[in-house]
Amino acid sequence: MADQISQNIARDHMVDSQIRPNHVHDTRVISAMRALPREAFAPAGSFAYADADIPLGQGRYLVNPMVTARLAQLVLQSNPAHALVVGAGSGYLAAVLGAAGVAVVALEEETRLDTGALAQFGTNVEAVTGPLAAGWPAGGPYDAIVIEGAVPEISKAFAAQLVPGGRVIAVIAEAEGPGAVGRVVVAEASGTGFAEVEQFDVTPRLLPQFRRAPAFAF
C-alpha cells in the first residue's frame, strides 16, 4: 500500500513538474498521464517517473514523460478517431492515446511488445506485430500515425495508410548521442513524399529498425 501511495505521488509530481510546465495543455493528455501507472510499462526497478528515457533493451527506450506528452498532444490536435503507433515498445504512448479516447493500433516487431501492461491498462488499444517500416495496412486507414523513436526519414509506406488529410508525427534524426538533435515534425502526404512542419527539438533515440545502412567508401 505504501509503495502504491509513493507511486501515485510520483505520478502527480511528474505531471505537475514535467508535463504541465512544458507546453502541454491538452486535458486529455494530462488526465491520461495522471491516471495511467507508468511504472507498469517500465522495467522492474527503474525510476518510471524520472525525467529520462528508460532503456528497454536492444537499443529501445521508454521515452521520457515530457516528450511522450508532447507527442500525444500533437496526435490529438486533429482529434483523430483512429491512430497507429509505430515502435510502440512497452505500450505506454499507445495507452495514453487510448485513454484519451483514440482507437489505437500498437505496432511492434515479434516478441518486442510487452502486452502485459497493455492488456491491463490499454483501453482502446490493439497490439499487433510486424515489420515497423511497413506500418500496418490491415488496420488502416488511420487519421494519424506516430513513430515512437527517431528515424532518418518517414517511410513512404505510411502515406497509403492515412486517410486524406491524415498526419504522421515523427522525430527526424540521423544520429543519436552527445550533441545529436532530433526534429519533431508533423507531416502530411504530398506527392511522392511528405510535407513536414517542424514543431520542437528533442534528444533523439534512433529506432534500430530504421537506421540507414552504412555507406561504403572506396
Protein backbone atom coordinates (compact mmCIF):
# COMPACT_ATOMS: atom_id res chain seq x y z
CA MET A 1 0.00 0.00 0.00
CA ALA A 2 2.78 2.44 0.94
CA ASP A 3 4.58 1.70 -2.34
CA GLN A 4 1.39 2.39 -4.31
CA ILE A 5 0.89 5.69 -2.50
CA SER A 6 4.51 6.59 -3.30
CA GLN A 7 3.94 5.80 -6.99
CA ASN A 8 0.77 7.90 -7.04
CA ILE A 9 2.64 10.84 -5.53
CA ALA A 10 5.46 10.41 -8.06
CA ARG A 11 2.92 10.33 -10.90
CA ASP A 12 1.28 13.56 -9.77
CA HIS A 13 4.70 15.17 -9.41
CA MET A 14 5.61 14.05 -12.94
CA VAL A 15 2.51 15.69 -14.37
CA ASP A 16 2.86 18.90 -12.37
CA SER A 17 6.62 19.39 -12.80
CA GLN A 18 7.45 17.77 -16.17
CA ILE A 19 4.25 17.84 -18.23
CA ARG A 20 2.16 20.92 -17.48
CA PRO A 21 5.06 23.45 -17.43
CA ASN A 22 6.33 22.23 -20.82
CA HIS A 23 3.67 23.43 -23.27
CA VAL A 24 1.27 20.54 -22.63
CA HIS A 25 -2.24 21.94 -22.26
CA ASP A 26 -4.48 19.19 -23.65
CA THR A 27 -6.51 17.98 -20.69
CA ARG A 28 -6.90 14.56 -22.31
CA VAL A 29 -3.14 14.04 -22.19
CA ILE A 30 -2.83 15.39 -18.67
CA SER A 31 -5.69 13.24 -17.36
CA ALA A 32 -4.39 10.09 -19.06
CA MET A 33 -0.85 10.51 -17.76
CA ARG A 34 -2.10 11.29 -14.27
CA ALA A 35 -4.22 8.12 -14.28
CA LEU A 36 -2.03 5.54 -16.04
CA PRO A 37 0.60 3.76 -13.92
CA ARG A 38 3.76 4.45 -15.94
CA GLU A 39 5.64 2.03 -13.69
CA ALA A 40 3.62 -0.85 -15.20
CA PHE A 41 5.17 -0.06 -18.60
CA ALA A 42 8.75 0.28 -17.31
CA PRO A 43 11.25 -2.46 -16.39
CA ALA A 44 11.15 -3.51 -12.75
CA GLY A 45 13.43 -1.42 -10.58
CA SER A 46 13.59 1.54 -12.96
CA PHE A 47 12.66 5.08 -11.97
CA ALA A 48 9.48 5.23 -14.04
CA TYR A 49 8.68 8.88 -13.28
CA ALA A 50 12.16 10.32 -13.76
CA ASP A 51 12.76 12.96 -16.42
CA ALA A 52 14.74 10.49 -18.53
CA ASP A 53 14.45 7.88 -21.26
CA ILE A 54 14.33 4.39 -19.74
CA PRO A 55 16.23 1.57 -21.51
CA LEU A 56 14.05 -1.36 -22.56
CA GLY A 57 16.91 -3.38 -24.08
CA GLN A 58 18.17 -3.95 -27.62
CA GLY A 59 18.58 -0.25 -28.27
CA ARG A 60 14.99 0.64 -27.37
CA TYR A 61 13.69 3.13 -24.81
CA LEU A 62 10.58 4.16 -22.93
CA VAL A 63 10.60 7.82 -23.97
CA ASN A 64 10.72 10.39 -21.18
CA PRO A 65 7.39 11.75 -19.90
CA MET A 66 7.66 15.26 -21.37
CA VAL A 67 8.35 14.08 -24.92
CA THR A 68 5.66 11.40 -24.61
CA ALA A 69 3.14 14.06 -23.56
CA ARG A 70 4.06 16.46 -26.36
CA LEU A 71 3.90 13.71 -28.99
CA ALA A 72 0.48 12.66 -27.68
CA GLN A 73 -0.69 16.27 -27.76
CA LEU A 74 0.38 16.62 -31.41
CA VAL A 75 -1.51 13.44 -32.30
CA LEU A 76 -4.63 14.70 -30.55
CA GLN A 77 -4.55 18.16 -32.18
CA SER A 78 -6.54 16.84 -35.15
CA ASN A 79 -8.96 14.88 -32.91
CA PRO A 80 -8.22 11.53 -34.58
CA ALA A 81 -10.60 8.63 -34.17
CA HIS A 82 -8.04 6.03 -35.27
CA ALA A 83 -4.24 6.06 -34.89
CA LEU A 84 -1.23 3.81 -35.42
CA VAL A 85 1.74 3.83 -33.03
CA VAL A 86 4.86 2.52 -34.80
CA GLY A 87 7.53 1.12 -32.50
CA ALA A 88 5.17 1.01 -29.54
CA GLY A 89 7.75 -0.56 -27.21
CA SER A 90 6.17 -1.26 -23.84
CA GLY A 91 2.95 0.39 -24.99
CA TYR A 92 2.84 3.50 -22.79
CA LEU A 93 2.23 6.10 -25.52
CA ALA A 94 -0.39 3.84 -27.09
CA ALA A 95 -2.11 3.52 -23.71
CA VAL A 96 -2.06 7.31 -23.23
CA LEU A 97 -3.74 7.83 -26.60
CA GLY A 98 -6.24 5.06 -25.90
CA ALA A 99 -7.13 6.61 -22.56
CA ALA A 100 -7.68 9.89 -24.42
CA GLY A 101 -10.38 8.21 -26.49
CA VAL A 102 -8.48 7.22 -29.64
CA ALA A 103 -8.80 3.73 -31.15
CA VAL A 104 -5.13 2.74 -31.33
CA VAL A 105 -3.18 0.06 -33.17
CA ALA A 106 0.17 -0.51 -31.40
CA LEU A 107 2.74 -2.00 -33.79
CA GLU A 108 5.90 -3.76 -32.70
CA GLU A 109 8.15 -6.45 -34.07
CA GLU A 110 7.67 -10.07 -33.00
CA THR A 111 8.32 -10.65 -29.27
CA ARG A 112 9.21 -7.00 -28.67
CA LEU A 113 5.87 -5.65 -27.46
CA ASP A 114 5.19 -6.44 -23.81
CA THR A 115 1.43 -6.85 -23.88
CA GLY A 116 1.06 -7.43 -20.14
CA ALA A 117 0.62 -3.77 -19.22
CA LEU A 118 -1.44 -3.10 -22.35
CA ALA A 119 -3.76 -5.99 -21.53
CA GLN A 120 -4.47 -4.42 -18.15
CA PHE A 121 -4.34 -0.70 -18.92
CA GLY A 122 -4.53 -0.37 -22.71
CA THR A 123 -8.11 0.79 -23.17
CA ASN A 124 -8.98 1.06 -26.89
CA VAL A 125 -5.58 -0.42 -27.89
CA GLU A 126 -4.99 -3.37 -30.24
CA ALA A 127 -1.45 -4.79 -30.14
CA VAL A 128 -0.07 -6.22 -33.41
CA THR A 129 3.33 -7.46 -34.56
CA GLY A 130 5.12 -6.92 -37.86
CA PRO A 131 7.96 -5.02 -39.57
CA LEU A 132 7.90 -1.44 -38.33
CA ALA A 133 8.86 0.22 -41.62
CA ALA A 134 5.90 -1.45 -43.36
CA GLY A 135 3.34 0.01 -40.97
CA TRP A 136 0.11 -1.94 -40.51
CA PRO A 137 -2.08 -1.59 -43.62
CA ALA A 138 -4.59 -4.15 -42.34
CA GLY A 139 -5.73 -1.76 -39.61
CA GLY A 140 -5.88 1.36 -41.74
CA PRO A 141 -6.56 3.87 -42.94
CA TYR A 142 -5.51 5.98 -39.97
CA ASP A 143 -6.20 9.58 -39.07
CA ALA A 144 -2.73 9.76 -37.51
CA ILE A 145 0.46 7.71 -37.37
CA VAL A 146 3.03 8.42 -34.66
CA ILE A 147 6.51 6.91 -34.66
CA GLU A 148 7.81 6.33 -31.14
CA GLY A 149 11.52 6.81 -31.69
CA ALA A 150 13.70 8.74 -34.10
CA VAL A 151 14.00 7.87 -37.80
CA PRO A 152 16.15 9.38 -40.58
CA GLU A 153 13.06 9.84 -42.74
CA ILE A 154 9.38 8.90 -42.78
CA SER A 155 8.70 5.64 -44.60
CA LYS A 156 6.77 6.27 -47.82
CA ALA A 157 4.72 3.16 -46.99
CA PHE A 158 2.88 5.22 -44.38
CA ALA A 159 1.35 7.62 -46.92
CA ALA A 160 -1.00 4.97 -48.30
CA GLN A 161 -2.17 4.09 -44.78
CA LEU A 162 -3.51 7.56 -43.99
CA VAL A 163 -6.94 8.99 -44.62
CA PRO A 164 -6.93 12.11 -46.84
CA GLY A 165 -5.50 14.86 -44.69
CA GLY A 166 -4.08 12.36 -42.21
CA ARG A 167 -0.82 13.16 -40.45
CA VAL A 168 2.40 11.48 -39.37
CA ILE A 169 4.11 12.66 -36.19
CA ALA A 170 7.77 11.69 -36.05
CA VAL A 171 11.21 12.56 -34.70
CA ILE A 172 13.65 13.03 -37.60
CA ALA A 173 17.35 12.45 -36.86
CA GLU A 174 20.39 10.90 -38.49
CA ALA A 175 22.28 10.12 -35.29
CA GLU A 176 21.97 9.89 -31.53
CA GLY A 177 24.33 10.55 -28.65
CA PRO A 178 26.08 13.69 -27.36
CA GLY A 179 25.21 16.73 -29.44
CA ALA A 180 22.63 14.97 -31.61
CA VAL A 181 19.36 16.81 -32.20
CA GLY A 182 16.07 15.36 -33.38
CA ARG A 183 13.37 17.44 -35.07
CA VAL A 184 9.80 16.61 -34.13
CA VAL A 185 7.67 17.12 -37.23
CA VAL A 186 4.05 16.88 -38.27
CA ALA A 187 3.91 15.60 -41.84
CA GLU A 188 1.17 15.26 -44.44
CA ALA A 189 1.45 13.16 -47.59
CA SER A 190 2.43 15.33 -50.55
CA GLY A 191 3.10 13.86 -53.98
CA THR A 192 5.65 11.08 -53.58
CA GLY A 193 6.77 12.17 -50.12
CA PHE A 194 5.72 14.22 -47.10
CA ALA A 195 5.42 17.92 -46.40
CA GLU A 196 6.88 18.41 -42.93
CA VAL A 197 6.29 21.18 -40.42
CA GLU A 198 8.81 21.35 -37.57
CA GLN A 199 7.45 21.57 -34.03
CA PHE A 200 10.30 21.34 -31.50
CA ASP A 201 13.70 19.70 -30.92
CA VAL A 202 14.46 16.69 -28.73
CA THR A 203 17.37 14.44 -27.84
CA PRO A 204 16.81 11.58 -30.30
CA ARG A 205 16.71 7.83 -29.66
CA LEU A 206 17.01 6.13 -33.03
CA LEU A 207 14.79 3.16 -33.80
CA PRO A 208 17.27 0.42 -34.82
CA GLN A 209 14.80 -0.90 -37.42
CA PHE A 210 15.02 2.38 -39.36
CA ARG A 211 18.78 3.01 -39.30
CA ARG A 212 20.33 3.69 -42.67
CA ALA A 213 22.75 1.06 -43.97
CA PRO A 214 26.32 2.40 -43.73
CA ALA A 215 27.69 3.71 -47.00
CA PHE A 216 30.79 2.02 -48.40
CA ALA A 217 33.74 4.23 -49.28
CA PHE A 218 36.29 3.17 -51.90
